Amino acid sequence: MDMTKKVPVREQEPSVRARNFDEVCLGYNDEEALLEASRCLSCKKPFCVEACPVNIDIPGFIKAVKEGDVKKAGDIIALSSSLPAVCGRVCPQETQCEGQCVRGIKGEAVSIGKLERYVADTNRKAGYTAASQAEKKHKKVAVVGSGPSGLSCAGELLNRGYDVTVFEALHAPGGVLTYGIPEFRLPKNDVVLPEIDNLRKNGAEIRCSVIIGKTLTLDDLFEKEGFESVFIGSGAGLPRFMGIPNENANQVFSANEFLTRANLMKGFDDAYDTPIPMGKKVLVCGGGNVAMDAARTALRLGAEVHIVYRRSMEELPARQEEVHHAEEEGIIFDLLQNPVEILTDENYNVTGAKIIRMELGEPDASGRRSPVEIPGSEYTLDCDMIIMALGTSPNPLIASTTEGLEVNRRGCLVVNEETEQTTREGVYAGGDAVTGAATVILAMQAGKKAAASIDAWLSGK
């Protein structure tokens, strides 16, 4: 075995997977995981741990895999992360733990994410759950939102002995893990729901269809429900648009709505009566991971799909793996281009988009080259559906119905960066509700940090 190279991960063939919603990556089997784990050098100063937002003991769990003790590996991961099967699939390891792996200096980094996924999947299939051993404190904490930030906070609080109730506005838990990330990247029944069930086994109560700010106010949680502290992890579900003509036309979707119909409401499954009026030729505006998810979902629903992005391939913010998979599957990338108007027929149905070509100008203060329009370069791209994947911002409902919660000009909750405490005593927040749309693992980091702060505050420390 060439120790400078990763053990390849088996995947569905592109021509096959582009027509189904089964998971693309098939993961490691026992033999492959053992081989990949043997590449870990067990560094005395593990830079990978420092680069992990939740500081998993990476050499420790990989050593347990080497020894064939997958349960022990799961126990080690559980000390730092409540969602190992999720993180092993959707975290940008290439820029975090694997980006600091010593093996990567003269070869390829250890596949830390794939090994984490292997441990989580193996233990789930064996019915093994790392149980919390914490002594009960008999103090109640409410967690608003069951996405990665809320679930991470809940898991950490359970490990510290608190009684935790999670409030979810939608009819199913998981937040963006359920409504945003497609089945072919993150299976719901096989991965997301079992991770949530692990929290239930450790004592979490999860109440769905409860909208904080309408069903109950934040004040109600303290005054009527008896909670001693609240964590807000309500995410960023308010989509952004471009502000170009005819954005309200029929067949213009936000990526949020499109993916929610497909994922949470099972629109991809003929057994569910969820309408997704698919076009034959779909234009996706944006270049991030959500744009890749929307484009690859539309492709699987039978469309020809174009991603229109105003910068070049080098500047695409999406994960390299997702871009690579999209290219393999047949997504068309129209780069250095930008829509300036949506074209419609007499019934206000989308017929195309007016596109202008771009070039990269001089670098700005951050060193990133800004796209500049090329005068006179407009052309028309025919399409019958457009998906806007341009980012999201927090829903203002909670802040607008609660006194003492300060938000910034972007509508994000203002917190103390060290503690995640908001401008109201006893109320903490983290994840996309604070940062705007970001990654799953950064949301988890914030939830974990907030849980430690809540524990310190309620313990009088």
Protein backbone atom coordinates (compact mmCIF):
# COMPACT_ATOMS: atom_id res chain seq x y z
CA MET A 1 0.00 0.00 0.00
CA ASP A 2 1.26 3.50 -0.88
CA MET A 3 1.08 5.26 2.49
CA THR A 4 1.15 8.70 0.84
CA LYS A 5 -2.25 8.04 -0.78
CA LYS A 6 -5.71 7.83 0.76
CA VAL A 7 -7.63 4.58 0.55
CA PRO A 8 -10.15 5.37 -2.22
CA VAL A 9 -13.78 5.68 -1.18
CA ARG A 10 -16.32 3.72 -3.18
CA GLU A 11 -19.04 5.79 -4.89
CA GLN A 12 -22.02 5.22 -7.16
CA GLU A 13 -21.19 5.66 -10.82
CA PRO A 14 -22.10 9.21 -12.00
CA SER A 15 -24.44 8.02 -14.77
CA VAL A 16 -26.36 5.88 -12.26
CA ARG A 17 -26.51 8.27 -9.29
CA ALA A 18 -27.62 11.23 -11.44
CA ARG A 19 -30.99 9.47 -11.71
CA ASN A 20 -31.51 8.39 -8.11
CA PHE A 21 -31.49 9.88 -4.61
CA ASP A 22 -29.39 7.16 -2.96
CA GLU A 23 -26.25 8.26 -1.17
CA VAL A 24 -23.39 9.01 -3.57
CA CYS A 25 -20.53 8.03 -1.28
CA LEU A 26 -20.64 4.44 -0.02
CA GLY A 27 -18.05 4.85 2.75
CA TYR A 28 -15.37 2.47 4.03
CA ASN A 29 -15.82 -1.17 4.91
CA ASP A 30 -13.89 -2.71 7.84
CA GLU A 31 -10.80 -3.56 5.80
CA GLU A 32 -10.64 -0.16 4.09
CA ALA A 33 -11.10 1.69 7.38
CA LEU A 34 -8.30 -0.30 9.03
CA LEU A 35 -5.96 0.47 6.12
CA GLU A 36 -6.77 4.17 6.17
CA ALA A 37 -6.45 4.36 9.97
CA SER A 38 -2.98 2.80 9.70
CA ARG A 39 -1.87 5.91 7.79
CA CYS A 40 -2.35 8.10 10.89
CA LEU A 41 1.00 9.00 12.49
CA SER A 42 -0.49 9.60 15.99
CA CYS A 43 1.33 12.93 16.18
CA LYS A 44 2.42 14.11 19.65
CA LYS A 45 1.23 17.60 18.68
CA PRO A 46 -1.93 16.87 16.67
CA PHE A 47 -2.64 19.95 14.56
CA CYS A 48 -5.77 18.19 13.28
CA VAL A 49 -7.40 18.48 16.73
CA GLU A 50 -6.65 22.21 16.91
CA ALA A 51 -8.21 22.66 13.45
CA CYS A 52 -11.40 20.78 14.38
CA PRO A 53 -14.03 23.31 15.52
CA VAL A 54 -15.32 20.89 18.19
CA ASN A 55 -11.82 19.55 19.07
CA ILE A 56 -12.44 15.84 18.60
CA ASP A 57 -9.54 13.67 19.85
CA ILE A 58 -8.75 12.56 16.30
CA PRO A 59 -5.57 10.52 16.99
CA GLY A 60 -7.40 8.88 19.90
CA PHE A 61 -10.41 7.66 17.94
CA ILE A 62 -8.27 6.60 14.97
CA LYS A 63 -6.00 4.60 17.31
CA ALA A 64 -9.11 2.79 18.58
CA VAL A 65 -10.05 2.00 14.95
CA LYS A 66 -6.54 0.60 14.39
CA GLU A 67 -7.06 -1.62 17.43
CA GLY A 68 -10.42 -2.81 16.08
CA ASP A 69 -12.36 -1.23 18.96
CA VAL A 70 -15.01 0.78 17.10
CA LYS A 71 -17.17 1.20 20.22
CA LYS A 72 -14.26 2.87 22.01
CA ALA A 73 -13.71 5.09 18.96
CA GLY A 74 -17.37 6.10 19.15
CA ASP A 75 -17.08 6.87 22.87
CA ILE A 76 -14.07 9.13 22.21
CA ILE A 77 -15.89 11.04 19.46
CA ALA A 78 -19.01 11.36 21.64
CA LEU A 79 -17.03 13.34 24.22
CA SER A 80 -16.78 16.17 21.68
CA SER A 81 -19.51 15.70 19.05
CA SER A 82 -23.18 14.75 19.12
CA LEU A 83 -23.44 14.26 15.34
CA PRO A 84 -20.53 12.11 14.09
CA ALA A 85 -22.38 10.50 11.17
CA VAL A 86 -23.47 13.94 9.97
CA CYS A 87 -20.06 15.58 10.38
CA GLY A 88 -18.34 12.66 8.66
CA ARG A 89 -20.44 13.42 5.59
CA VAL A 90 -20.88 17.18 5.30
CA CYS A 91 -18.01 18.89 7.18
CA PRO A 92 -15.38 20.65 5.04
CA GLN A 93 -12.58 18.49 6.44
CA GLU A 94 -10.25 19.53 3.63
CA THR A 95 -10.02 23.05 5.09
CA GLN A 96 -10.12 21.99 8.75
CA CYS A 97 -8.74 18.81 10.32
CA GLU A 98 -7.44 17.24 7.11
CA GLY A 99 -6.03 20.57 6.02
CA GLN A 100 -3.63 20.42 9.00
CA CYS A 101 -2.81 16.70 8.77
CA VAL A 102 0.97 16.08 8.72
CA ARG A 103 0.45 13.29 6.17
CA GLY A 104 -0.73 15.99 3.77
CA ILE A 105 2.71 17.66 3.63
CA LYS A 106 4.25 14.97 1.42
CA GLY A 107 1.15 13.21 0.21
CA GLU A 108 -2.57 13.04 0.91
CA ALA A 109 -4.04 13.76 4.33
CA VAL A 110 -5.65 10.96 6.33
CA SER A 111 -9.37 10.67 5.47
CA ILE A 112 -10.45 11.78 8.94
CA GLY A 113 -14.01 12.55 7.89
CA LYS A 114 -14.53 9.19 6.21
CA LEU A 115 -13.16 7.41 9.30
CA GLU A 116 -15.49 9.38 11.57
CA ARG A 117 -18.38 8.38 9.33
CA TYR A 118 -17.23 4.73 9.44
CA VAL A 119 -17.19 4.73 13.25
CA ALA A 120 -20.63 6.34 13.51
CA ASP A 121 -22.20 4.08 10.87
CA THR A 122 -20.67 0.90 12.29
CA ASN A 123 -21.90 1.65 15.81
CA ARG A 124 -25.36 2.63 14.57
CA LYS A 125 -25.72 -0.64 12.64
CA ALA A 126 -24.61 -2.54 15.75
CA GLY A 127 -27.18 -0.67 17.86
CA TYR A 128 -24.51 0.90 20.05
CA THR A 129 -24.98 4.40 21.52
CA ALA A 130 -22.46 6.17 23.74
CA ALA A 131 -24.53 6.99 26.83
CA SER A 132 -24.21 10.09 28.99
CA GLN A 133 -22.84 9.30 32.47
CA ALA A 134 -23.52 12.77 33.90
CA GLU A 135 -25.16 13.21 37.27
CA LYS A 136 -28.53 14.97 36.93
CA LYS A 137 -28.58 18.63 37.95
CA HIS A 138 -32.40 18.92 37.71
CA LYS A 139 -32.22 22.27 35.97
CA LYS A 140 -34.19 22.95 32.80
CA VAL A 141 -32.71 24.49 29.65
CA ALA A 142 -34.66 25.23 26.47
CA VAL A 143 -33.04 24.94 23.06
CA VAL A 144 -34.79 26.78 20.21
CA GLY A 145 -34.15 25.06 16.90
CA SER A 146 -33.14 21.46 16.17
CA GLY A 147 -30.50 22.14 13.54
CA PRO A 148 -26.79 21.42 14.08
CA SER A 149 -26.26 24.29 16.53
CA GLY A 150 -29.25 23.38 18.68
CA LEU A 151 -28.54 19.65 18.61
CA SER A 152 -24.89 20.23 19.52
CA CYS A 153 -25.89 22.47 22.43
CA ALA A 154 -28.50 19.95 23.58
CA GLY A 155 -26.02 17.06 23.45
CA GLU A 156 -23.41 18.97 25.44
CA LEU A 157 -25.98 20.05 28.06
CA LEU A 158 -27.19 16.47 28.43
CA ASN A 159 -23.60 15.38 29.00
CA ARG A 160 -23.43 17.98 31.78
CA GLY A 161 -26.57 16.67 33.49
CA TYR A 162 -29.24 19.20 32.43
CA ASP A 163 -32.88 18.54 31.54
CA VAL A 164 -33.14 19.68 27.92
CA THR A 165 -36.16 20.41 25.77
CA VAL A 166 -35.65 21.24 22.09
CA PHE A 167 -38.31 23.32 20.32
CA GLU A 168 -38.62 22.94 16.52
CA ALA A 169 -40.88 25.09 14.35
CA LEU A 170 -41.26 22.49 11.59
CA HIS A 171 -43.07 19.18 11.88
CA ALA A 172 -39.84 17.15 11.88
CA PRO A 173 -36.57 17.75 13.73
CA GLY A 174 -33.15 18.31 12.18
CA GLY A 175 -33.31 21.86 10.86
CA VAL A 176 -31.12 22.36 7.80
CA LEU A 177 -29.93 18.75 8.10
CA THR A 178 -33.50 17.67 7.29
CA TYR A 179 -34.87 20.38 5.01
CA GLY A 180 -31.71 21.68 3.34
CA ILE A 181 -29.18 18.94 2.59
CA PRO A 182 -30.32 16.40 -0.02
CA GLU A 183 -30.84 12.73 0.62
CA PHE A 184 -27.98 11.74 -1.70
CA ARG A 185 -25.54 13.61 0.55
CA LEU A 186 -27.16 13.04 3.94
CA PRO A 187 -29.76 10.25 4.28
CA LYS A 188 -32.50 11.20 6.73
CA ASN A 189 -33.79 7.83 7.99
CA ASP A 190 -30.38 6.16 8.09
CA VAL A 191 -28.28 9.03 9.45
CA VAL A 192 -30.05 12.19 10.68
CA LEU A 193 -32.94 10.63 12.61
CA PRO A 194 -30.76 8.05 14.42
CA GLU A 195 -28.39 10.83 15.55
CA ILE A 196 -31.40 12.75 16.92
CA ASP A 197 -32.75 9.58 18.53
CA ASN A 198 -29.43 9.22 20.38
CA LEU A 199 -30.14 12.55 22.05
CA ARG A 200 -33.62 11.33 22.99
CA LYS A 201 -32.08 8.18 24.52
CA ASN A 202 -29.88 10.43 26.63
CA GLY A 203 -32.94 12.31 27.91
CA ALA A 204 -33.72 15.13 25.47
CA GLU A 205 -37.36 16.01 24.84
CA ILE A 206 -38.02 17.31 21.31
CA ARG A 207 -41.21 19.27 20.67
CA CYS A 208 -41.98 19.90 17.00
CA SER A 209 -44.46 22.35 15.44
CA VAL A 210 -43.72 24.92 18.15
CA ILE A 211 -42.85 28.35 16.75
CA ILE A 212 -41.02 30.42 19.33
CA GLY A 213 -42.32 33.94 18.84
CA LYS A 214 -45.83 32.72 17.97
CA THR A 215 -46.81 29.45 19.70
CA LEU A 216 -44.75 30.48 22.71
CA THR A 217 -42.69 33.61 23.29
CA LEU A 218 -39.21 33.59 24.73
CA ASP A 219 -40.70 35.12 27.91
CA ASP A 220 -43.15 32.19 28.09
CA LEU A 221 -40.25 29.76 28.21
CA PHE A 222 -38.99 31.42 31.37
CA GLU A 223 -42.23 32.47 33.04
CA LYS A 224 -44.70 29.70 32.08
CA GLU A 225 -42.52 26.73 31.17
CA GLY A 226 -39.99 27.16 33.98
CA PHE A 227 -36.76 27.09 32.00
CA GLU A 228 -33.72 28.64 33.67
CA SER A 229 -31.80 29.39 30.48
CA VAL A 230 -32.49 29.41 26.73
CA PHE A 231 -30.25 28.76 23.73
CA ILE A 232 -31.37 30.16 20.36
CA GLY A 233 -30.20 28.10 17.41
CA SER A 234 -32.96 29.04 14.99
CA GLY A 235 -30.72 29.19 11.93
CA ALA A 236 -30.95 31.46 8.92
CA GLY A 237 -33.98 30.49 6.87
CA LEU A 238 -34.81 33.80 5.19
CA PRO A 239 -33.66 33.60 1.53
CA ARG A 240 -31.96 36.40 -0.37
CA PHE A 241 -32.73 37.45 -3.93
CA MET A 242 -30.83 39.48 -6.53
CA GLY A 243 -33.16 42.45 -6.88
CA ILE A 244 -33.44 42.09 -10.67
CA PRO A 245 -36.62 42.53 -12.77
CA ASN A 246 -39.28 39.78 -12.66
CA GLU A 247 -37.94 37.89 -9.64
CA ASN A 248 -41.56 37.26 -8.61
CA ALA A 249 -42.35 35.40 -11.82
CA ASN A 250 -43.83 31.91 -11.80
CA GLN A 251 -41.15 29.21 -11.59
CA VAL A 252 -38.65 31.37 -9.72
CA PHE A 253 -37.79 29.57 -6.47
CA SER A 254 -35.45 30.23 -3.60
CA ALA A 255 -33.15 27.29 -3.01
CA ASN A 256 -34.67 27.12 0.48
CA GLU A 257 -38.18 26.47 -0.81
CA PHE A 258 -37.03 24.12 -3.56
CA LEU A 259 -34.88 21.99 -1.25
CA THR A 260 -37.51 21.97 1.51
CA ARG A 261 -40.07 20.60 -0.92
CA ALA A 262 -37.63 17.95 -2.10
CA ASN A 263 -36.08 16.98 1.25
CA LEU A 264 -38.38 17.61 4.22
CA MET A 265 -41.56 17.09 2.19
CA LYS A 266 -40.12 14.19 0.16
CA GLY A 267 -40.95 15.74 -3.20
CA PHE A 268 -38.45 13.43 -4.89
CA ASP A 269 -40.47 10.39 -3.78
CA ASP A 270 -43.54 9.47 -5.84
CA ALA A 271 -45.15 8.08 -2.68
CA TYR A 272 -45.54 11.64 -1.37
CA ASP A 273 -47.98 14.19 -2.76
CA THR A 274 -45.59 17.15 -2.71
CA PRO A 275 -45.75 19.37 -5.81
CA ILE A 276 -42.47 20.37 -7.43
CA PRO A 277 -43.39 21.84 -10.83
CA MET A 278 -40.05 21.03 -12.46
CA GLY A 279 -38.82 22.80 -15.55
CA LYS A 280 -36.99 21.08 -18.38
CA LYS A 281 -34.09 23.53 -18.32
CA VAL A 282 -33.18 24.99 -14.91
CA LEU A 283 -30.87 27.88 -14.12
CA VAL A 284 -29.32 27.95 -10.62
CA CYS A 285 -27.87 31.30 -9.53
CA GLY A 286 -25.00 30.97 -7.04
CA GLY A 287 -21.81 29.01 -6.41
CA GLY A 288 -21.95 27.71 -2.84
CA ASN A 289 -22.82 24.32 -1.41
CA VAL A 290 -26.55 25.15 -1.46
CA ALA A 291 -26.32 25.95 -5.18
CA MET A 292 -24.67 22.55 -5.77
CA ASP A 293 -27.39 20.83 -3.71
CA ALA A 294 -30.19 22.58 -5.63
CA ALA A 295 -28.58 21.90 -9.01
CA ARG A 296 -27.92 18.23 -8.32
CA THR A 297 -31.47 17.78 -6.97
CA ALA A 298 -32.98 19.40 -10.08
CA LEU A 299 -30.83 17.14 -12.27
CA ARG A 300 -32.15 14.05 -10.50
CA LEU A 301 -35.69 15.31 -11.06
CA GLY A 302 -35.09 15.24 -14.80
CA ALA A 303 -33.89 18.72 -15.76
CA GLU A 304 -30.95 20.03 -17.76
CA VAL A 305 -29.20 22.24 -15.20
CA HIS A 306 -26.96 25.29 -15.56
CA ILE A 307 -25.13 26.91 -12.64
CA VAL A 308 -24.58 30.60 -13.38
CA TYR A 309 -21.86 32.17 -11.23
CA ARG A 310 -20.23 35.56 -11.59
CA ARG A 311 -16.70 34.44 -10.72
CA SER A 312 -14.42 31.69 -12.06
CA MET A 313 -14.05 28.05 -11.02
CA GLU A 314 -11.17 28.96 -8.68
CA GLU A 315 -13.45 31.29 -6.68
CA LEU A 316 -16.39 28.89 -6.29
CA PRO A 317 -17.14 28.79 -2.54
CA ALA A 318 -18.63 25.29 -2.66
CA ARG A 319 -16.63 22.29 -1.41
CA GLN A 320 -14.33 20.81 -4.04
CA GLU A 321 -15.95 17.41 -3.58
CA GLU A 322 -19.41 18.81 -4.32
CA VAL A 323 -18.22 20.68 -7.42
CA HIS A 324 -16.42 17.55 -8.63
CA HIS A 325 -19.55 15.42 -8.15
CA ALA A 326 -21.72 18.02 -9.93
CA GLU A 327 -19.36 18.08 -12.94
CA GLU A 328 -19.28 14.28 -13.07
CA GLU A 329 -23.08 14.14 -13.08
CA GLY A 330 -23.46 16.55 -15.97
CA ILE A 331 -24.22 19.94 -14.39
CA ILE A 332 -23.26 22.73 -16.80
CA PHE A 333 -21.20 25.56 -15.28
CA ASP A 334 -21.70 28.98 -16.92
CA LEU A 335 -18.95 30.89 -15.10
CA LEU A 336 -18.01 34.59 -15.16
CA GLN A 337 -21.65 35.31 -16.00
CA ASN A 338 -24.49 36.96 -14.09
CA PRO A 339 -28.29 37.31 -14.63
CA VAL A 340 -29.50 40.90 -14.94
CA GLU A 341 -33.16 40.25 -15.82
CA ILE A 342 -35.62 37.36 -15.79
CA LEU A 343 -37.64 37.02 -19.00
CA THR A 344 -41.29 35.94 -18.96
CA ASP A 345 -44.24 35.26 -21.27
CA GLU A 346 -47.67 36.97 -21.13
CA ASN A 347 -48.70 34.68 -18.22
CA TYR A 348 -45.66 35.70 -16.18
CA ASN A 349 -44.01 32.31 -16.59
CA VAL A 350 -40.22 32.17 -16.88
CA THR A 351 -38.91 31.81 -20.43
CA GLY A 352 -35.26 32.68 -19.88
CA ALA A 353 -32.78 35.10 -18.37
CA LYS A 354 -30.77 37.99 -19.74
CA ILE A 355 -27.14 37.27 -18.85
CA ILE A 356 -24.13 39.57 -18.86
CA ARG A 357 -20.56 38.29 -19.07
CA MET A 358 -18.09 39.23 -16.33
CA GLU A 359 -14.34 39.52 -15.85
CA LEU A 360 -12.32 39.59 -12.66
CA GLY A 361 -11.05 43.03 -11.72
CA GLU A 362 -8.38 44.11 -9.28
CA PRO A 363 -8.19 42.46 -5.84
CA ASP A 364 -10.08 44.18 -3.02
CA ALA A 365 -8.80 44.69 0.54
CA SER A 366 -9.33 40.98 1.30
CA GLY A 367 -7.30 39.96 -1.74
CA ARG A 368 -10.34 38.62 -3.60
CA ARG A 369 -10.79 39.81 -7.18
CA SER A 370 -14.18 41.42 -7.74
CA PRO A 371 -16.29 40.55 -10.81
CA VAL A 372 -16.83 43.41 -13.27
CA GLU A 373 -19.47 43.50 -16.02
CA ILE A 374 -18.27 43.53 -19.64
CA PRO A 375 -20.32 46.22 -21.41
CA GLY A 376 -22.28 45.02 -24.44
CA SER A 377 -21.81 41.31 -23.63
CA GLU A 378 -25.46 40.52 -22.80
CA TYR A 379 -27.13 37.43 -24.22
CA THR A 380 -30.28 35.41 -23.53
CA LEU A 381 -30.21 31.99 -21.89
CA ASP A 382 -33.45 30.07 -22.42
CA CYS A 383 -34.85 28.29 -19.36
CA ASP A 384 -38.21 27.57 -17.77
CA MET A 385 -37.21 27.52 -14.09
CA ILE A 386 -34.78 29.57 -11.96
CA ILE A 387 -33.48 28.74 -8.48
CA MET A 388 -31.86 31.51 -6.42
CA ALA A 389 -29.10 30.11 -4.17
CA LEU A 390 -27.60 33.37 -2.93
CA GLY A 391 -27.48 32.84 0.81
CA THR A 392 -29.90 33.37 3.66
CA SER A 393 -30.33 35.55 6.73
CA PRO A 394 -32.01 34.90 10.12
CA ASN A 395 -35.78 35.07 10.48
CA PRO A 396 -36.55 38.19 12.55
CA LEU A 397 -39.48 36.60 14.44
CA ILE A 398 -37.79 35.81 17.77
CA ALA A 399 -35.95 39.13 18.07
CA SER A 400 -39.06 41.10 17.07
CA THR A 401 -41.18 39.46 19.78
CA THR A 402 -38.62 39.66 22.60
CA GLU A 403 -37.49 42.71 24.53
CA GLY A 404 -33.77 43.07 25.15
CA LEU A 405 -32.50 40.98 22.22
CA GLU A 406 -30.19 43.08 20.07
CA VAL A 407 -29.58 42.32 16.37
CA ASN A 408 -27.02 43.81 13.97
CA ARG A 409 -27.71 45.43 10.59
CA ARG A 410 -27.83 41.98 8.94
CA GLY A 411 -30.54 40.82 11.33
CA CYS A 412 -28.19 38.47 13.22
CA LEU A 413 -28.37 38.20 17.00
CA VAL A 414 -25.59 40.05 18.80
CA VAL A 415 -23.63 37.85 21.22
CA ASN A 416 -20.51 37.96 23.36
CA GLU A 417 -17.96 36.11 21.21
CA GLU A 418 -16.39 34.44 24.23
CA THR A 419 -19.58 33.11 25.81
CA GLU A 420 -22.29 33.24 23.09
CA GLN A 421 -24.52 35.17 25.54
CA THR A 422 -26.97 37.55 23.89
CA THR A 423 -27.81 41.02 25.17
CA ARG A 424 -30.38 39.43 27.47
CA GLU A 425 -29.28 37.63 30.62
CA GLY A 426 -29.76 33.87 30.55
CA VAL A 427 -30.28 33.80 26.78
CA TYR A 428 -27.53 32.42 24.55
CA ALA A 429 -27.37 31.97 20.79
CA GLY A 430 -25.19 30.45 18.11
CA GLY A 431 -24.93 29.12 14.58
CA ASP A 432 -26.51 30.80 11.59
CA ALA A 433 -28.80 32.91 13.81
CA VAL A 434 -25.63 34.74 14.87
CA THR A 435 -23.25 34.41 11.91
CA GLY A 436 -25.63 34.20 8.97
CA ALA A 437 -25.42 31.13 6.72
CA ALA A 438 -22.27 29.11 7.50
CA THR A 439 -21.21 25.46 7.86
CA VAL A 440 -22.70 22.69 9.97
CA ILE A 441 -19.53 22.25 12.02
CA LEU A 442 -19.21 25.95 12.87
CA ALA A 443 -22.81 25.92 14.06
CA MET A 444 -21.98 22.89 16.20
CA GLN A 445 -18.95 24.66 17.63
CA ALA A 446 -21.12 27.59 18.70
CA GLY A 447 -23.71 25.30 20.29
CA LYS A 448 -21.04 23.46 22.23
CA LYS A 449 -19.43 26.71 23.43
CA ALA A 450 -22.81 28.10 24.50
CA ALA A 451 -23.57 24.94 26.49
CA ALA A 452 -20.36 25.40 28.48
CA SER A 453 -21.31 29.03 29.16
CA ILE A 454 -24.84 28.07 30.22
CA ASP A 455 -23.39 25.47 32.58
CA ALA A 456 -21.01 28.05 34.08
CA TRP A 457 -23.81 30.59 34.48
CA LEU A 458 -26.31 28.20 36.07
CA SER A 459 -23.59 26.79 38.33
CA GLY A 460 -22.73 30.26 39.59
CA LYS A 461 -19.26 30.18 38.09
